[in-house]
Amino acid sequence: MVEQETEEMKEIEINFRDTVQVRQGIRVTRSFHLPGKITQVMFHFPPGCNALVDVRLLKDERPFYPAQGYLALDNATPVHYTDADYYANEPLTVEVLNRDGINPHTPSITVVIRYKKPWYSG
């Protein structure tokens, strides 16, 4: 009989949600201290973005989603399912460019990382 060690897996969400002023852009970088797998990336474009708000996610300063260019939608929440390796403290950067000449916008991006629960945590 072979004993199988069961590892407890956990998930964490890294959330990006910042208001971008008229004709402005921002870059926000966050990371997680443990290695794991990125299992999904969710973008939320509130009503009124009118495809004037460009958003992309970079992983370790390289385009991750979309692989080229930016995503620009209106009143939509696409979810990208993936199985990408994530190393400890790997930088995740969101770039948002607001091309709207009248309104500020607040898109949000959520990255889900699945990781092994450390043995020392309770």
C-alpha atoms as a PDB file:
ATOM      1  CA  MET A   1       0.000   0.000   0.000  1.00  0.00           C
ATOM      2  CA  VAL A   2       1.348   3.414  -0.978  1.00  0.00           C
ATOM      3  CA  GLU A   3       0.604   6.314   1.282  1.00  0.00           C
ATOM      4  CA  GLN A   4      -0.285   9.516  -0.466  1.00  0.00           C
ATOM      5  CA  GLU A   5       0.585  12.724   1.226  1.00  0.00           C
ATOM      6  CA  THR A   6      -2.212  15.179   0.767  1.00  0.00           C
ATOM      7  CA  GLU A   7      -1.216  18.770   0.480  1.00  0.00           C
ATOM      8  CA  GLU A   8      -3.697  21.413   1.419  1.00  0.00           C
ATOM      9  CA  MET A   9      -4.101  23.939  -1.361  1.00  0.00           C
ATOM     10  CA  LYS A  10      -5.272  27.489  -0.828  1.00  0.00           C
ATOM     11  CA  GLU A  11      -6.157  30.350  -3.146  1.00  0.00           C
ATOM     12  CA  ILE A  12      -5.499  34.029  -2.872  1.00  0.00           C
ATOM     13  CA  GLU A  13      -6.909  36.868  -4.946  1.00  0.00           C
ATOM     14  CA  ILE A  14      -4.717  39.797  -5.867  1.00  0.00           C
ATOM     15  CA  ASN A  15      -7.006  42.722  -6.642  1.00  0.00           C
ATOM     16  CA  PHE A  16      -6.267  45.839  -8.638  1.00  0.00           C
ATOM     17  CA  ARG A  17      -8.898  48.591  -8.583  1.00  0.00           C
ATOM     18  CA  ASP A  18      -7.899  52.190  -9.159  1.00  0.00           C
ATOM     19  CA  THR A  19      -9.671  55.169 -10.664  1.00  0.00           C
ATOM     20  CA  VAL A  20      -7.865  56.560 -13.693  1.00  0.00           C
ATOM     21  CA  GLN A  21      -8.494  60.200 -14.438  1.00  0.00           C
ATOM     22  CA  VAL A  22      -9.349  61.647 -17.857  1.00  0.00           C
ATOM     23  CA  ARG A  23      -6.593  61.033 -20.448  1.00  0.00           C
ATOM     24  CA  GLN A  24      -4.295  59.542 -17.821  1.00  0.00           C
ATOM     25  CA  GLY A  25      -2.644  56.186 -17.272  1.00  0.00           C
ATOM     26  CA  ILE A  26      -1.422  54.208 -14.280  1.00  0.00           C
ATOM     27  CA  ARG A  27       0.797  51.210 -13.526  1.00  0.00           C
ATOM     28  CA  VAL A  28       0.246  49.276 -10.297  1.00  0.00           C
ATOM     29  CA  THR A  29       2.456  46.362  -9.215  1.00  0.00           C
ATOM     30  CA  ARG A  30       1.619  43.765  -6.580  1.00  0.00           C
ATOM     31  CA  SER A  31       2.959  40.337  -5.673  1.00  0.00           C
ATOM     32  CA  PHE A  32       2.416  37.327  -3.404  1.00  0.00           C
ATOM     33  CA  HIS A  33       5.118  35.911  -1.151  1.00  0.00           C
ATOM     34  CA  LEU A  34       4.608  32.204  -1.992  1.00  0.00           C
ATOM     35  CA  PRO A  35       4.992  30.299  -5.281  1.00  0.00           C
ATOM     36  CA  GLY A  36       1.997  28.698  -6.961  1.00  0.00           C
ATOM     37  CA  LYS A  37      -0.109  28.688 -10.125  1.00  0.00           C
ATOM     38  CA  ILE A  38      -2.151  31.496 -11.614  1.00  0.00           C
ATOM     39  CA  THR A  39      -5.508  29.851 -12.286  1.00  0.00           C
ATOM     40  CA  GLN A  40      -7.568  32.800 -13.509  1.00  0.00           C
ATOM     41  CA  VAL A  41      -7.475  36.457 -14.427  1.00  0.00           C
ATOM     42  CA  MET A  42     -10.699  38.457 -14.369  1.00  0.00           C
ATOM     43  CA  PHE A  43     -11.179  41.919 -15.852  1.00  0.00           C
ATOM     44  CA  HIS A  44     -14.179  44.091 -15.027  1.00  0.00           C
ATOM     45  CA  PHE A  45     -15.076  47.030 -17.247  1.00  0.00           C
ATOM     46  CA  PRO A  46     -17.971  48.984 -15.690  1.00  0.00           C
ATOM     47  CA  PRO A  47     -20.718  50.503 -17.846  1.00  0.00           C
ATOM     48  CA  GLY A  48     -19.564  53.692 -19.524  1.00  0.00           C
ATOM     49  CA  CYS A  49     -16.016  52.586 -20.358  1.00  0.00           C
ATOM     50  CA  ASN A  50     -17.154  52.454 -24.001  1.00  0.00           C
ATOM     51  CA  ALA A  51     -13.939  50.654 -25.060  1.00  0.00           C
ATOM     52  CA  LEU A  52     -11.991  53.811 -24.155  1.00  0.00           C
ATOM     53  CA  VAL A  53     -10.122  52.206 -21.237  1.00  0.00           C
ATOM     54  CA  ASP A  54      -7.155  50.027 -22.226  1.00  0.00           C
ATOM     55  CA  VAL A  55      -6.070  47.418 -19.673  1.00  0.00           C
ATOM     56  CA  ARG A  56      -3.398  44.729 -19.619  1.00  0.00           C
ATOM     57  CA  LEU A  57      -1.664  42.482 -17.104  1.00  0.00           C
ATOM     58  CA  LEU A  58       2.087  41.973 -17.108  1.00  0.00           C
ATOM     59  CA  LYS A  59       3.754  39.037 -15.356  1.00  0.00           C
ATOM     60  CA  ASP A  60       7.386  39.698 -14.468  1.00  0.00           C
ATOM     61  CA  GLU A  61       7.257  42.774 -16.763  1.00  0.00           C
ATOM     62  CA  ARG A  62       6.170  40.717 -19.792  1.00  0.00           C
ATOM     63  CA  PRO A  63       2.677  40.873 -21.310  1.00  0.00           C
ATOM     64  CA  PHE A  64       0.570  38.083 -19.811  1.00  0.00           C
ATOM     65  CA  TYR A  65      -3.033  38.900 -20.674  1.00  0.00           C
ATOM     66  CA  PRO A  66      -3.685  39.829 -23.319  1.00  0.00           C
ATOM     67  CA  ALA A  67      -0.472  38.468 -24.865  1.00  0.00           C
ATOM     68  CA  GLN A  68      -0.376  41.463 -27.218  1.00  0.00           C
ATOM     69  CA  GLY A  69      -1.889  44.902 -26.957  1.00  0.00           C
ATOM     70  CA  TYR A  70      -4.644  45.808 -24.504  1.00  0.00           C
ATOM     71  CA  LEU A  71      -8.194  44.804 -23.637  1.00  0.00           C
ATOM     72  CA  ALA A  72     -10.821  47.564 -24.014  1.00  0.00           C
ATOM     73  CA  LEU A  73     -14.491  46.703 -23.378  1.00  0.00           C
ATOM     74  CA  ASP A  74     -17.694  48.161 -21.954  1.00  0.00           C
ATOM     75  CA  ASN A  75     -19.952  46.681 -19.275  1.00  0.00           C
ATOM     76  CA  ALA A  76     -18.133  43.328 -19.423  1.00  0.00           C
ATOM     77  CA  THR A  77     -16.331  40.925 -17.085  1.00  0.00           C
ATOM     78  CA  PRO A  78     -14.274  38.427 -19.079  1.00  0.00           C
ATOM     79  CA  VAL A  79     -12.524  35.641 -17.162  1.00  0.00           C
ATOM     80  CA  HIS A  80      -9.335  34.075 -18.542  1.00  0.00           C
ATOM     81  CA  TYR A  81      -8.619  30.599 -17.133  1.00  0.00           C
ATOM     82  CA  THR A  82      -4.971  29.595 -17.112  1.00  0.00           C
ATOM     83  CA  ASP A  83      -2.441  27.313 -15.451  1.00  0.00           C
ATOM     84  CA  ALA A  84       0.675  29.486 -15.351  1.00  0.00           C
ATOM     85  CA  ASP A  85       3.544  29.057 -12.919  1.00  0.00           C
ATOM     86  CA  TYR A  86       4.001  31.840 -10.402  1.00  0.00           C
ATOM     87  CA  TYR A  87       7.246  32.219  -8.445  1.00  0.00           C
ATOM     88  CA  ALA A  88       7.447  33.760  -4.962  1.00  0.00           C
ATOM     89  CA  ASN A  89       7.202  37.566  -5.066  1.00  0.00           C
ATOM     90  CA  GLU A  90       6.859  37.619  -8.853  1.00  0.00           C
ATOM     91  CA  PRO A  91       5.676  41.102  -9.851  1.00  0.00           C
ATOM     92  CA  LEU A  92       2.200  41.364 -11.383  1.00  0.00           C
ATOM     93  CA  THR A  93       1.633  44.738 -12.987  1.00  0.00           C
ATOM     94  CA  VAL A  94      -1.587  46.211 -14.320  1.00  0.00           C
ATOM     95  CA  GLU A  95      -1.464  49.029 -16.830  1.00  0.00           C
ATOM     96  CA  VAL A  96      -4.579  51.127 -17.403  1.00  0.00           C
ATOM     97  CA  LEU A  97      -4.837  53.884 -20.011  1.00  0.00           C
ATOM     98  CA  ASN A  98      -7.942  56.068 -19.986  1.00  0.00           C
ATOM     99  CA  ARG A  99      -8.461  57.521 -23.477  1.00  0.00           C
ATOM    100  CA  ASP A 100     -11.796  59.064 -22.473  1.00  0.00           C
ATOM    101  CA  GLY A 101     -11.658  62.861 -22.714  1.00  0.00           C
ATOM    102  CA  ILE A 102     -14.607  63.422 -20.361  1.00  0.00           C
ATOM    103  CA  ASN A 103     -14.883  60.757 -17.617  1.00  0.00           C
ATOM    104  CA  PRO A 104     -12.583  59.019 -15.142  1.00  0.00           C
ATOM    105  CA  HIS A 105     -12.993  55.218 -15.010  1.00  0.00           C
ATOM    106  CA  THR A 106     -12.393  52.458 -12.454  1.00  0.00           C
ATOM    107  CA  PRO A 107     -11.810  49.073 -14.069  1.00  0.00           C
ATOM    108  CA  SER A 108     -10.786  46.191 -11.817  1.00  0.00           C
ATOM    109  CA  ILE A 109      -8.536  43.190 -12.336  1.00  0.00           C
ATOM    110  CA  THR A 110      -8.397  40.100 -10.122  1.00  0.00           C
ATOM    111  CA  VAL A 111      -5.645  37.482 -10.324  1.00  0.00           C
ATOM    112  CA  VAL A 112      -6.237  34.144  -8.551  1.00  0.00           C
ATOM    113  CA  ILE A 113      -3.157  32.224  -7.378  1.00  0.00           C
ATOM    114  CA  ARG A 114      -3.417  28.647  -6.086  1.00  0.00           C
ATOM    115  CA  TYR A 115      -0.604  27.670  -3.715  1.00  0.00           C
ATOM    116  CA  LYS A 116       0.389  25.016  -1.194  1.00  0.00           C
ATOM    117  CA  LYS A 117      -0.505  25.928   2.355  1.00  0.00           C
ATOM    118  CA  PRO A 118       2.774  26.146   4.306  1.00  0.00           C
ATOM    119  CA  TRP A 119       3.186  23.387   6.882  1.00  0.00           C
ATOM    120  CA  TYR A 120       3.930  25.937   9.590  1.00  0.00           C
ATOM    121  CA  SER A 121       0.680  27.891   9.167  1.00  0.00           C
ATOM    122  CA  GLY A 122      -2.266  26.957  11.337  1.00  0.00           C
END
